Amino acid sequence: MSQTHPDRRTFAIISHPDAGKTTLTEKLLVAGGAIHIAGEVKARGQARRARSDWMKIEQQRGISVTSSVMTFEHEGLVFNLLDTPGHEDFSEDTYRTLTAVDSAVMVIDAAKGIEPQTLKLFEVCRLRSVPIITFINKVDREGLPPFELLDEVADRLALDVCPMNWPAGMGGQFEGIYDLVDPAIMKSGGDASRMYEGHRAKVAGLDDPALAAELSERALALLKEETELASACYAEFDAAAYRNGDLTPVYFGSALKEFGVVDLLDALANHAPGPQPQPAEPAPVQPGDDAVTGFVFKVQANMNPAHRDRIAFMRLCSGKFERGMRLMQGGTGKAIAISRPMLFLAQDREMAEEAYPGDIIGIPNHGTLRVGDTLSERTDITITGLPNFAPELLRRVALVDPTKTKQLRKALDDMAEEGIIQVFYPEIGSNMIVGVVGQLQLEVLISRLDAEYKVEAKLEQSPWDTARWIASDDAAALKAFQADHRGASATDRDGAPVFMAKDAWEVGYVTQRHPAIRFTATKERVFANAG
């Protein structure tokens, strides 16, 4: 067994759009010393977008639609922050990103509580038992009472909650944050911006006269009353329960005003787990294994449009990776020399001479690597749990200029490789069909076709609404089914057979009529020579 490196914290930030995730990402990077000035995120998108939002459509709409990776060091630890898309239509890309992390920070808007997208992303974390730290943001604005917010987390997510700090007042009466673990008060500056300017006064407890000198009489009385009640109502922090995904430590704060951000970073350092085992066949990959093993969870094209580059993001699961290593691509038997691996700070990148379990490295890639690929020094290992999902929207792609067919094929192939879309080739007809999980992916497709490939295209309604991968142990039955349903038959990029249905009712009807055929809504990456 090789020496494990517990000095990695690989985590994602999950939230509903507009809960403040991008601002929190920036402030964590500032607190960690990775950047020195946070780009202001102003209303109507007038200011420059945050460092982690760099795609054109993100800048226009003010939302994150790709998963950026940011690596920074803080107090002897290496943090790998994966910024996930918050928009509900990006569940597939977000799901894959969450397979690459060991913990998550859930950001909740104090005025809105748990929103639908937060719930959806939480369920993905629960599927994988990803431990979660909760950050209740925007406490300096008018919002729900702290107890109501904590109870909602406990009730709707079925989690024990443990407040680690407490706001001294909320909204217009907000005066600071009280640290419940290491008693101290963090106060806002006296100017109109009310930014936290690093004033952290250590106190002996709630009855310390030094605390009374920092807060108004009203705020102190409320703080004493609420924290006494909170200590009686909520669980104490239990590291094992947190790491099992049963308890969430809760931090109140304001990312914009820089309250609670350093506490959150310290919590990740002190409590979040290091690299965890990864599900694989024939057995899970342990971070202490000698052999280098990793998996591709994302492919991003044109991070630098001037160079038309394509980067495969690999999560390292075991072993010590060194630049120039040759790793086997699972299922194909091909050895790939990784001579220019990269580490990231959003768009900025640097050469990675070495990497350890938990690290995310970028591999320049010319169509050889795809989402779900395993890369390893071993030939007998396949990381599992990165499926494709059945599309919920199917559209025909129509070119405005028919002479650009070749460019369109290349663009669709690139984006399918990234996992942004899926491409299906119908048995009858020449128009390719694109499938997506959500509407926004279609907007991203059209935007990127224009911006990156100079291809103007329109999306037309297709006769189909959804698709299912089909398989059977009876080859003759599968062939007969395809012959009978030739007008609804297609293949995907891997040549796997697909049945396209008009609606969910038709899926159910056809499934009942053909018990010998398996209709599946997810597909693990399978290689032709791997059976």
Protein backbone atom coordinates (compact mmCIF):
# COMPACT_ATOMS: atom_id res chain seq x y z
CA MET A 1 0.00 0.00 0.00
CA SER A 2 1.34 3.44 -0.88
CA GLN A 3 1.43 6.38 1.46
CA THR A 4 -2.01 8.05 1.45
CA HIS A 5 -2.21 11.82 1.38
CA PRO A 6 -4.99 13.04 3.68
CA ASP A 7 -3.99 16.64 2.97
CA ARG A 8 -6.58 16.90 0.14
CA ARG A 9 -10.10 18.26 0.48
CA THR A 10 -12.05 17.71 -2.72
CA PHE A 11 -15.50 19.29 -2.45
CA ALA A 12 -18.33 20.81 -4.44
CA ILE A 13 -20.68 23.68 -3.70
CA ILE A 14 -24.34 22.90 -4.39
CA SER A 15 -27.22 25.35 -4.34
CA HIS A 16 -30.28 26.72 -6.09
CA PRO A 17 -29.53 29.49 -8.62
CA ASP A 18 -29.00 32.89 -6.98
CA ALA A 19 -28.35 31.50 -3.50
CA GLY A 20 -24.87 33.03 -3.66
CA LYS A 21 -22.76 30.05 -4.71
CA THR A 22 -20.56 31.96 -7.16
CA THR A 23 -19.90 34.72 -4.61
CA LEU A 24 -19.07 32.14 -1.94
CA THR A 25 -16.70 30.39 -4.39
CA GLU A 26 -14.87 33.66 -4.98
CA LYS A 27 -14.64 34.51 -1.29
CA LEU A 28 -13.29 31.03 -0.47
CA LEU A 29 -10.61 31.59 -3.12
CA VAL A 30 -9.79 34.97 -1.56
CA ALA A 31 -9.73 33.49 1.96
CA GLY A 32 -7.51 30.68 0.69
CA GLY A 33 -5.13 33.18 -0.90
CA ALA A 34 -5.79 31.86 -4.41
CA ILE A 35 -6.97 35.22 -5.76
CA HIS A 36 -6.50 38.63 -4.22
CA ILE A 37 -9.63 40.44 -5.34
CA ALA A 38 -13.09 39.04 -5.83
CA GLY A 39 -14.97 40.17 -8.92
CA GLU A 40 -18.11 41.88 -7.78
CA VAL A 41 -21.29 40.17 -8.86
CA LYS A 42 -23.70 43.02 -9.41
CA ALA A 43 -27.35 43.03 -10.36
CA ARG A 44 -28.11 42.89 -14.09
CA GLY A 45 -24.66 41.42 -14.71
CA GLN A 46 -23.03 44.82 -15.21
CA ALA A 47 -19.85 43.90 -13.36
CA ARG A 48 -17.52 41.24 -14.67
CA ARG A 49 -18.63 37.73 -13.83
CA ALA A 50 -16.97 35.71 -11.12
CA ARG A 51 -13.76 33.94 -11.99
CA SER A 52 -15.47 30.55 -12.12
CA ASP A 53 -18.10 31.63 -14.68
CA TRP A 54 -16.32 32.06 -17.99
CA MET A 55 -18.50 30.66 -20.77
CA LYS A 56 -20.28 33.24 -22.93
CA ILE A 57 -23.80 32.04 -22.10
CA GLU A 58 -22.95 32.13 -18.38
CA GLN A 59 -21.87 35.75 -18.66
CA GLN A 60 -25.08 36.63 -20.49
CA ARG A 61 -27.41 34.86 -18.09
CA GLY A 62 -25.47 35.13 -14.84
CA ILE A 63 -25.56 31.41 -14.07
CA SER A 64 -22.96 28.67 -13.95
CA VAL A 65 -23.50 26.10 -16.68
CA THR A 66 -20.20 24.26 -16.60
CA SER A 67 -18.31 22.65 -13.76
CA SER A 68 -15.12 24.59 -13.17
CA VAL A 69 -12.30 23.22 -11.06
CA MET A 70 -10.25 25.41 -8.75
CA THR A 71 -7.23 24.16 -6.80
CA PHE A 72 -5.73 26.23 -4.00
CA GLU A 73 -3.66 25.73 -0.86
CA HIS A 74 -4.54 26.93 2.62
CA GLU A 75 -2.75 26.20 5.89
CA GLY A 76 -0.89 23.16 4.59
CA LEU A 77 -3.90 21.59 2.85
CA VAL A 78 -4.71 21.35 -0.84
CA PHE A 79 -8.34 22.21 -1.63
CA ASN A 80 -9.92 21.09 -4.90
CA LEU A 81 -13.16 23.05 -5.33
CA LEU A 82 -15.54 21.84 -8.02
CA ASP A 83 -18.04 24.54 -8.94
CA THR A 84 -21.19 22.74 -10.08
CA PRO A 85 -23.93 24.12 -12.33
CA GLY A 86 -26.77 25.30 -10.12
CA HIS A 87 -29.42 25.44 -12.83
CA GLU A 88 -32.01 22.67 -12.66
CA ASP A 89 -31.44 21.75 -16.29
CA PHE A 90 -27.89 20.69 -15.61
CA SER A 91 -28.57 17.74 -13.35
CA GLU A 92 -26.58 15.34 -15.53
CA ASP A 93 -23.35 17.35 -15.57
CA THR A 94 -23.82 18.15 -11.90
CA TYR A 95 -24.40 14.49 -11.05
CA ARG A 96 -21.14 13.51 -12.71
CA THR A 97 -19.28 16.27 -10.89
CA LEU A 98 -20.64 15.04 -7.56
CA THR A 99 -19.17 11.59 -8.29
CA ALA A 100 -15.72 13.23 -8.14
CA VAL A 101 -15.96 14.86 -4.68
CA ASP A 102 -15.55 13.63 -1.12
CA SER A 103 -17.80 16.25 0.50
CA ALA A 104 -20.12 19.13 -0.38
CA VAL A 105 -21.12 22.57 0.86
CA MET A 106 -24.86 23.26 0.55
CA VAL A 107 -25.66 26.96 0.22
CA ILE A 108 -29.13 28.10 1.31
CA ASP A 109 -30.56 31.60 0.87
CA ALA A 110 -31.74 32.78 4.30
CA ALA A 111 -34.77 34.45 2.71
CA LYS A 112 -35.91 31.41 0.72
CA GLY A 113 -34.90 28.30 2.64
CA ILE A 114 -34.58 25.02 0.77
CA GLU A 115 -35.49 25.43 -2.90
CA PRO A 116 -36.30 22.68 -5.43
CA GLN A 117 -32.84 22.52 -6.99
CA THR A 118 -31.14 22.34 -3.59
CA LEU A 119 -33.34 19.36 -2.76
CA LYS A 120 -32.54 17.62 -6.05
CA LEU A 121 -28.78 18.07 -5.62
CA PHE A 122 -28.99 16.95 -1.99
CA GLU A 123 -30.64 13.70 -3.11
CA VAL A 124 -27.71 13.08 -5.47
CA CYS A 125 -25.32 13.58 -2.54
CA ARG A 126 -27.39 11.23 -0.39
CA LEU A 127 -27.21 8.50 -3.05
CA ARG A 128 -23.45 8.53 -2.63
CA SER A 129 -23.44 9.32 1.15
CA VAL A 130 -21.51 12.53 0.48
CA PRO A 131 -21.11 14.46 3.77
CA ILE A 132 -22.57 17.97 3.68
CA ILE A 133 -21.74 21.21 5.48
CA THR A 134 -24.58 23.75 5.28
CA PHE A 135 -23.94 27.46 4.75
CA ILE A 136 -27.00 29.67 5.32
CA ASN A 137 -26.19 32.74 3.25
CA LYS A 138 -27.39 36.36 3.22
CA VAL A 139 -28.19 36.64 6.96
CA ASP A 140 -27.50 40.38 6.66
CA ARG A 141 -30.68 40.68 4.58
CA GLU A 142 -34.26 40.18 5.67
CA GLY A 143 -34.96 36.46 5.83
CA LEU A 144 -36.53 33.59 7.71
CA PRO A 145 -35.77 33.17 11.45
CA PRO A 146 -32.74 30.93 12.18
CA PHE A 147 -34.87 28.26 13.89
CA GLU A 148 -37.21 28.04 10.93
CA LEU A 149 -34.26 27.56 8.57
CA LEU A 150 -32.64 24.89 10.75
CA ASP A 151 -35.92 23.02 11.22
CA GLU A 152 -36.52 23.03 7.49
CA VAL A 153 -33.11 21.45 6.85
CA ALA A 154 -33.79 18.85 9.55
CA ASP A 155 -37.32 18.03 8.37
CA ARG A 156 -37.03 18.16 4.58
CA LEU A 157 -33.62 16.53 4.33
CA ALA A 158 -34.03 14.13 7.26
CA LEU A 159 -30.71 15.25 8.72
CA ASP A 160 -29.58 16.06 12.22
CA VAL A 161 -28.48 19.72 12.28
CA CYS A 162 -25.77 21.24 14.43
CA PRO A 163 -25.41 25.04 14.37
CA MET A 164 -21.70 25.94 14.67
CA ASN A 165 -22.26 29.69 14.88
CA TRP A 166 -25.23 32.03 15.34
CA PRO A 167 -26.23 35.41 13.87
CA ALA A 168 -26.56 38.30 16.30
CA GLY A 169 -29.76 39.60 14.72
CA MET A 170 -30.88 39.14 11.11
CA GLY A 171 -31.50 41.51 8.21
CA GLY A 172 -31.52 45.18 9.18
CA GLN A 173 -30.73 44.27 12.81
CA PHE A 174 -27.73 42.08 11.96
CA GLU A 175 -24.70 42.98 14.08
CA GLY A 176 -22.36 40.03 13.58
CA ILE A 177 -21.80 36.30 13.95
CA TYR A 178 -21.14 34.51 17.25
CA ASP A 179 -18.88 31.42 17.16
CA LEU A 180 -20.51 28.69 19.27
CA VAL A 181 -17.50 26.33 19.13
CA ASP A 182 -14.63 28.70 19.90
CA PRO A 183 -16.46 31.64 21.55
CA ALA A 184 -15.83 34.82 19.61
CA ILE A 185 -17.81 37.58 17.92
CA MET A 186 -17.24 38.66 14.32
CA LYS A 187 -18.53 42.17 13.74
CA SER A 188 -19.22 44.21 10.66
CA GLY A 189 -17.32 47.40 9.84
CA GLY A 190 -18.87 50.70 10.77
CA ASP A 191 -19.22 51.97 7.21
CA ALA A 192 -22.32 51.73 5.05
CA SER A 193 -21.08 48.59 3.28
CA ARG A 194 -21.06 46.73 6.62
CA MET A 195 -18.30 44.48 5.36
CA TYR A 196 -16.64 42.18 7.86
CA GLU A 197 -13.17 43.64 8.16
CA GLY A 198 -11.44 40.90 10.11
CA HIS A 199 -12.60 42.07 13.53
CA ARG A 200 -12.89 38.85 15.52
CA ALA A 201 -13.02 39.38 19.26
CA LYS A 202 -12.36 36.33 21.43
CA VAL A 203 -14.67 36.12 24.43
CA ALA A 204 -15.00 33.81 27.42
CA GLY A 205 -18.66 33.15 26.68
CA LEU A 206 -22.03 34.83 26.41
CA ASP A 207 -21.66 36.47 29.84
CA ASP A 208 -18.24 37.97 29.11
CA PRO A 209 -18.42 41.79 29.49
CA ALA A 210 -16.22 41.98 26.37
CA LEU A 211 -19.15 40.59 24.36
CA ALA A 212 -21.53 43.17 25.84
CA ALA A 213 -19.12 45.86 24.69
CA GLU A 214 -19.32 44.57 21.10
CA LEU A 215 -23.11 44.26 20.70
CA SER A 216 -26.17 46.39 21.40
CA GLU A 217 -28.22 45.44 24.44
CA ARG A 218 -31.03 44.19 22.21
CA ALA A 219 -28.74 42.01 20.03
CA LEU A 220 -26.99 40.50 23.07
CA ALA A 221 -30.28 39.61 24.79
CA LEU A 222 -31.59 37.98 21.61
CA LEU A 223 -28.31 36.10 21.05
CA LYS A 224 -28.36 34.69 24.60
CA GLU A 225 -32.00 33.64 24.32
CA GLU A 226 -31.64 31.99 20.90
CA THR A 227 -28.35 30.20 21.51
CA GLU A 228 -29.61 28.77 24.82
CA LEU A 229 -32.65 27.40 23.03
CA ALA A 230 -30.53 26.13 20.12
CA SER A 231 -28.21 24.18 22.44
CA ALA A 232 -31.26 22.42 23.90
CA CYS A 233 -32.95 21.75 20.54
CA TYR A 234 -30.18 20.55 18.24
CA ALA A 235 -27.59 17.79 18.17
CA GLU A 236 -24.00 18.29 19.23
CA PHE A 237 -21.41 17.98 16.51
CA ASP A 238 -20.47 14.35 15.85
CA ALA A 239 -17.68 13.88 13.30
CA ALA A 240 -18.68 10.27 12.52
CA ALA A 241 -22.35 11.20 11.96
CA TYR A 242 -21.29 14.04 9.65
CA ARG A 243 -18.98 11.83 7.61
CA ASN A 244 -21.71 9.19 7.30
CA GLY A 245 -24.04 11.82 5.85
CA ASP A 246 -26.41 11.74 8.86
CA LEU A 247 -25.61 15.16 10.37
CA THR A 248 -24.86 18.54 8.84
CA PRO A 249 -22.93 21.25 10.69
CA VAL A 250 -24.57 24.60 9.89
CA TYR A 251 -22.78 27.93 9.45
CA PHE A 252 -24.68 31.21 9.18
CA GLY A 253 -23.01 33.95 7.18
CA SER A 254 -22.89 36.38 4.30
CA ALA A 255 -20.60 35.49 1.41
CA LEU A 256 -20.89 38.97 -0.07
CA LYS A 257 -20.05 40.68 3.24
CA GLU A 258 -17.41 38.04 4.08
CA PHE A 259 -19.03 36.69 7.23
CA GLY A 260 -18.52 33.02 8.08
CA VAL A 261 -16.36 32.28 5.02
CA VAL A 262 -13.14 31.65 6.96
CA ASP A 263 -15.10 29.53 9.47
CA LEU A 264 -16.45 27.47 6.58
CA LEU A 265 -12.95 27.00 5.15
CA ASP A 266 -11.69 25.94 8.58
CA ALA A 267 -14.58 23.47 8.90
CA LEU A 268 -13.65 21.88 5.58
CA ALA A 269 -10.05 21.63 6.77
CA ASN A 270 -10.90 20.19 10.18
CA HIS A 271 -13.94 18.00 9.51
CA ALA A 272 -14.35 17.17 5.82
CA PRO A 273 -12.96 13.78 4.79
CA GLY A 274 -9.90 13.31 2.64
CA PRO A 275 -9.92 11.03 -0.42
CA GLN A 276 -12.50 8.23 -0.15
CA PRO A 277 -12.70 4.79 -1.83
CA GLN A 278 -14.30 4.79 -5.29
CA PRO A 279 -16.79 2.16 -6.53
CA ALA A 280 -15.23 -0.04 -9.20
CA GLU A 281 -15.21 -3.49 -10.73
CA PRO A 282 -13.94 -5.98 -9.61
CA ALA A 283 -13.49 -4.17 -6.25
CA PRO A 284 -13.52 -0.58 -4.94
CA VAL A 285 -10.36 1.48 -5.51
CA GLN A 286 -8.76 2.49 -2.20
CA PRO A 287 -6.85 5.80 -2.02
CA GLY A 288 -3.90 3.92 -0.50
CA ASP A 289 -3.55 1.50 -3.42
CA ASP A 290 -0.13 1.63 -5.10
CA ALA A 291 -1.37 1.66 -8.70
CA VAL A 292 -2.43 5.00 -10.16
CA THR A 293 -6.14 4.92 -11.03
CA GLY A 294 -8.52 7.74 -11.95
CA PHE A 295 -11.66 8.41 -13.94
CA VAL A 296 -12.82 11.09 -16.36
CA PHE A 297 -15.92 12.85 -14.99
CA LYS A 298 -15.97 15.79 -17.39
CA VAL A 299 -14.68 16.81 -20.79
CA GLN A 300 -14.63 20.52 -21.58
CA ALA A 301 -14.00 21.81 -25.08
CA ASN A 302 -12.76 25.29 -25.96
CA MET A 303 -11.80 26.47 -22.49
CA ASN A 304 -9.42 28.61 -24.50
CA PRO A 305 -11.29 29.33 -27.78
CA ALA A 306 -8.11 30.69 -29.39
CA HIS A 307 -6.58 27.23 -29.20
CA ARG A 308 -9.73 25.13 -29.72
CA ASP A 309 -8.51 22.92 -26.90
CA ARG A 310 -10.29 20.03 -25.23
CA ILE A 311 -9.56 19.05 -21.65
CA ALA A 312 -10.58 15.82 -19.92
CA PHE A 313 -10.93 16.29 -16.15
CA MET A 314 -9.69 13.25 -14.24
CA ARG A 315 -10.27 12.59 -10.55
CA LEU A 316 -7.27 10.73 -9.18
CA CYS A 317 -8.42 7.88 -6.92
CA SER A 318 -5.19 6.10 -5.96
CA GLY A 319 -1.42 6.08 -6.35
CA LYS A 320 1.04 8.88 -6.95
CA PHE A 321 0.64 10.33 -10.44
CA GLU A 322 3.72 11.78 -12.15
CA ARG A 323 3.86 13.75 -15.36
CA GLY A 324 4.70 11.57 -18.37
CA MET A 325 3.11 8.40 -16.98
CA ARG A 326 1.43 5.99 -19.38
CA LEU A 327 -2.01 4.90 -18.20
CA MET A 328 -4.30 2.26 -19.70
CA GLN A 329 -7.69 3.44 -20.96
CA GLY A 330 -10.18 1.02 -19.41
CA GLY A 331 -11.88 -1.36 -21.82
CA THR A 332 -9.82 -0.42 -24.88
CA GLY A 333 -6.38 -1.63 -23.85
CA LYS A 334 -4.83 1.58 -25.19
CA ALA A 335 -1.94 3.13 -23.28
CA ILE A 336 -2.09 6.92 -23.11
CA ALA A 337 1.00 8.98 -22.28
CA ILE A 338 0.00 11.95 -20.11
CA SER A 339 2.72 14.46 -20.84
CA ARG A 340 0.92 17.79 -20.20
CA PRO A 341 -1.34 17.32 -17.18
CA MET A 342 -2.75 20.53 -15.68
CA LEU A 343 -4.04 21.97 -12.44
CA PHE A 344 -6.63 24.75 -12.52
CA LEU A 345 -7.71 28.02 -11.05
CA ALA A 346 -10.85 28.53 -13.17
CA GLN A 347 -9.37 29.57 -16.56
CA ASP A 348 -5.81 29.78 -15.27
CA ARG A 349 -3.78 26.60 -15.42
CA GLU A 350 -0.34 25.31 -14.54
CA MET A 351 1.58 22.12 -15.32
CA ALA A 352 1.07 19.35 -12.78
CA GLU A 353 4.36 17.54 -12.13
CA GLU A 354 2.68 15.20 -9.68
CA ALA A 355 -0.73 14.59 -8.17
CA TYR A 356 -2.23 12.53 -5.37
CA PRO A 357 -5.61 10.89 -4.58
CA GLY A 358 -8.31 13.56 -4.46
CA ASP A 359 -6.61 15.82 -6.99
CA ILE A 360 -8.31 16.83 -10.23
CA ILE A 361 -6.00 17.03 -13.22
CA GLY A 362 -6.73 18.21 -16.73
CA ILE A 363 -5.54 16.08 -19.65
CA PRO A 364 -5.32 17.68 -23.12
CA ASN A 365 -7.43 15.40 -25.21
CA HIS A 366 -8.11 15.03 -28.92
CA GLY A 367 -11.19 12.85 -28.91
CA THR A 368 -9.59 9.83 -27.25
CA LEU A 369 -11.01 10.36 -23.76
CA ARG A 370 -14.67 10.51 -22.83
CA VAL A 371 -16.77 10.96 -19.73
CA GLY A 372 -16.77 7.73 -17.73
CA ASP A 373 -13.37 6.49 -18.91
CA THR A 374 -11.12 4.78 -16.38
CA LEU A 375 -7.37 5.46 -16.60
CA SER A 376 -5.07 3.19 -14.63
CA GLU A 377 -1.74 1.44 -14.40
CA ARG A 378 -3.89 -1.67 -13.93
CA THR A 379 -5.61 -3.38 -16.84
CA ASP A 380 -8.36 -5.09 -14.81
CA ILE A 381 -10.17 -2.13 -13.21
CA THR A 382 -13.22 -0.10 -14.21
CA ILE A 383 -14.60 2.76 -12.11
CA THR A 384 -18.40 2.51 -11.99
CA GLY A 385 -21.28 4.85 -11.24
CA LEU A 386 -21.03 7.42 -14.06
CA PRO A 387 -24.08 6.68 -16.20
CA ASN A 388 -25.66 8.49 -19.12
CA PHE A 389 -29.28 9.45 -18.46
CA ALA A 390 -32.20 9.00 -20.81
CA PRO A 391 -32.95 12.36 -22.48
CA GLU A 392 -36.18 14.13 -21.61
CA LEU A 393 -36.10 16.36 -24.70
CA LEU A 394 -35.33 15.23 -28.24
CA ARG A 395 -34.85 17.70 -31.09
CA ARG A 396 -33.87 17.59 -34.75
CA VAL A 397 -30.94 19.83 -35.70
CA ALA A 398 -31.49 21.86 -38.88
CA LEU A 399 -28.67 23.83 -40.49
CA VAL A 400 -29.30 27.35 -41.80
CA ASP A 401 -26.38 26.78 -44.22
CA PRO A 402 -26.50 23.16 -45.52
CA THR A 403 -22.83 23.32 -46.61
CA LYS A 404 -21.77 23.23 -42.95
CA THR A 405 -22.83 19.62 -42.36
CA LYS A 406 -19.26 18.54 -41.59
CA GLN A 407 -18.76 21.32 -39.02
CA LEU A 408 -22.11 20.46 -37.41
CA ARG A 409 -21.16 16.80 -37.05
CA LYS A 410 -17.84 17.79 -35.47
CA ALA A 411 -19.55 20.20 -33.04
CA LEU A 412 -22.21 17.69 -32.01
CA ASP A 413 -19.56 15.02 -31.58
CA ASP A 414 -17.49 17.34 -29.38
CA MET A 415 -20.44 18.27 -27.17
CA ALA A 416 -21.61 14.67 -26.90
CA GLU A 417 -18.10 13.78 -25.77
CA GLU A 418 -18.42 16.43 -23.06
CA GLY A 419 -21.73 14.98 -21.91
CA ILE A 420 -23.59 18.23 -22.65
CA ILE A 421 -25.84 16.47 -25.17
CA GLN A 422 -26.42 13.01 -26.57
CA VAL A 423 -26.56 12.35 -30.30
CA PHE A 424 -28.77 9.70 -31.87
CA TYR A 425 -28.64 8.45 -35.45
CA PRO A 426 -32.11 7.30 -36.64
CA GLU A 427 -32.40 4.21 -38.83
CA ILE A 428 -34.58 6.21 -41.21
CA GLY A 429 -33.78 9.79 -42.25
CA SER A 430 -30.55 11.74 -42.29
CA ASN A 431 -31.23 14.35 -39.59
CA MET A 432 -29.32 13.71 -36.39
CA ILE A 433 -31.35 13.87 -33.18
CA VAL A 434 -29.96 15.55 -30.07
CA GLY A 435 -31.17 14.50 -26.67
CA VAL A 436 -30.84 16.52 -23.45
CA VAL A 437 -32.00 16.28 -19.86
CA GLY A 438 -33.13 19.92 -19.65
CA GLN A 439 -34.10 22.89 -21.79
CA LEU A 440 -31.07 25.03 -20.91
CA GLN A 441 -28.77 22.47 -22.52
CA LEU A 442 -30.47 23.22 -25.85
CA GLU A 443 -29.75 26.94 -25.41
CA VAL A 444 -26.13 26.13 -24.57
CA LEU A 445 -25.94 23.96 -27.70
CA ILE A 446 -27.16 26.73 -30.03
CA SER A 447 -25.01 29.37 -28.28
CA ARG A 448 -21.86 27.27 -28.54
CA LEU A 449 -22.52 26.21 -32.13
CA ASP A 450 -22.52 29.89 -33.04
CA ALA A 451 -19.76 31.17 -30.73
CA GLU A 452 -17.25 28.33 -31.04
CA TYR A 453 -17.97 26.58 -34.35
CA LYS A 454 -19.49 29.44 -36.40
CA VAL A 455 -22.41 27.16 -37.24
CA GLU A 456 -25.91 28.65 -37.35
CA ALA A 457 -28.53 26.03 -36.62
CA LYS A 458 -32.14 25.75 -35.52
CA LEU A 459 -33.77 23.11 -33.39
CA GLU A 460 -36.96 21.55 -34.70
CA GLN A 461 -39.52 19.44 -32.93
CA SER A 462 -38.89 15.74 -33.37
CA PRO A 463 -41.63 13.09 -33.45
CA TRP A 464 -40.16 11.65 -30.26
CA ASP A 465 -40.19 12.77 -26.65
CA THR A 466 -37.77 10.41 -24.92
CA ALA A 467 -35.42 7.50 -25.57
CA ARG A 468 -34.49 4.20 -23.96
CA TRP A 469 -31.46 2.01 -24.48
CA ILE A 470 -32.52 -1.48 -25.46
CA ALA A 471 -30.86 -4.85 -24.94
CA SER A 472 -31.85 -8.50 -24.75
CA ASP A 473 -30.33 -11.88 -23.93
CA ASP A 474 -32.20 -13.12 -27.02
CA ALA A 475 -30.44 -11.65 -30.07
CA ALA A 476 -33.23 -12.78 -32.41
CA ALA A 477 -35.88 -11.05 -30.27
CA LEU A 478 -33.88 -7.80 -30.31
CA LYS A 479 -33.42 -7.96 -34.09
CA ALA A 480 -37.15 -8.64 -34.62
CA PHE A 481 -38.10 -5.73 -32.33
CA GLN A 482 -35.84 -3.35 -34.26
CA ALA A 483 -37.27 -4.52 -37.57
CA ASP A 484 -40.84 -4.01 -36.33
CA HIS A 485 -40.02 -0.53 -34.97
CA ARG A 486 -37.58 0.64 -37.62
CA GLY A 487 -39.10 4.14 -37.71
CA ALA A 488 -38.34 4.59 -33.98
CA SER A 489 -34.97 2.83 -33.94
CA ALA A 490 -31.65 4.59 -33.64
CA THR A 491 -28.13 4.12 -32.38
CA ASP A 492 -26.12 6.31 -30.02
CA ARG A 493 -22.49 7.42 -30.40
CA ASP A 494 -21.25 4.04 -29.20
CA GLY A 495 -23.45 2.16 -31.66
CA ALA A 496 -25.74 0.96 -28.86
CA PRO A 497 -29.34 0.38 -29.99
CA VAL A 498 -31.93 2.93 -28.87
CA PHE A 499 -35.73 3.02 -29.00
CA MET A 500 -37.22 6.50 -29.37
CA ALA A 501 -40.71 6.92 -27.93
CA LYS A 502 -43.43 9.53 -28.47
CA ASP A 503 -44.10 9.80 -24.73
CA ALA A 504 -43.84 7.99 -21.39
CA TRP A 505 -47.08 6.12 -22.09
CA GLU A 506 -45.57 4.56 -25.22
CA VAL A 507 -42.47 3.51 -23.24
CA GLY A 508 -44.72 1.71 -20.76
CA TYR A 509 -46.85 0.13 -23.48
CA VAL A 510 -43.91 -1.17 -25.53
CA THR A 511 -42.13 -2.42 -22.40
CA GLN A 512 -45.18 -4.50 -21.46
CA ARG A 513 -45.61 -5.87 -24.98
CA HIS A 514 -41.96 -6.98 -25.27
CA PRO A 515 -40.88 -8.67 -22.04
CA ALA A 516 -37.76 -10.14 -23.71
CA ILE A 517 -36.38 -6.63 -24.30
CA ARG A 518 -34.77 -4.54 -21.55
CA PHE A 519 -35.57 -0.82 -21.78
CA THR A 520 -33.20 1.23 -19.60
CA ALA A 521 -33.17 4.93 -18.68
CA THR A 522 -29.46 4.94 -17.79
CA LYS A 523 -26.43 3.52 -19.53
CA GLU A 524 -23.02 2.92 -18.00
CA ARG A 525 -20.11 3.51 -20.34
CA VAL A 526 -19.56 0.16 -22.06
CA PHE A 527 -16.83 -0.69 -24.55
CA ALA A 528 -17.39 -2.94 -27.53
CA ASN A 529 -14.50 -5.22 -26.62
CA ALA A 530 -15.56 -5.34 -23.00
CA GLY A 531 -18.77 -7.13 -23.83
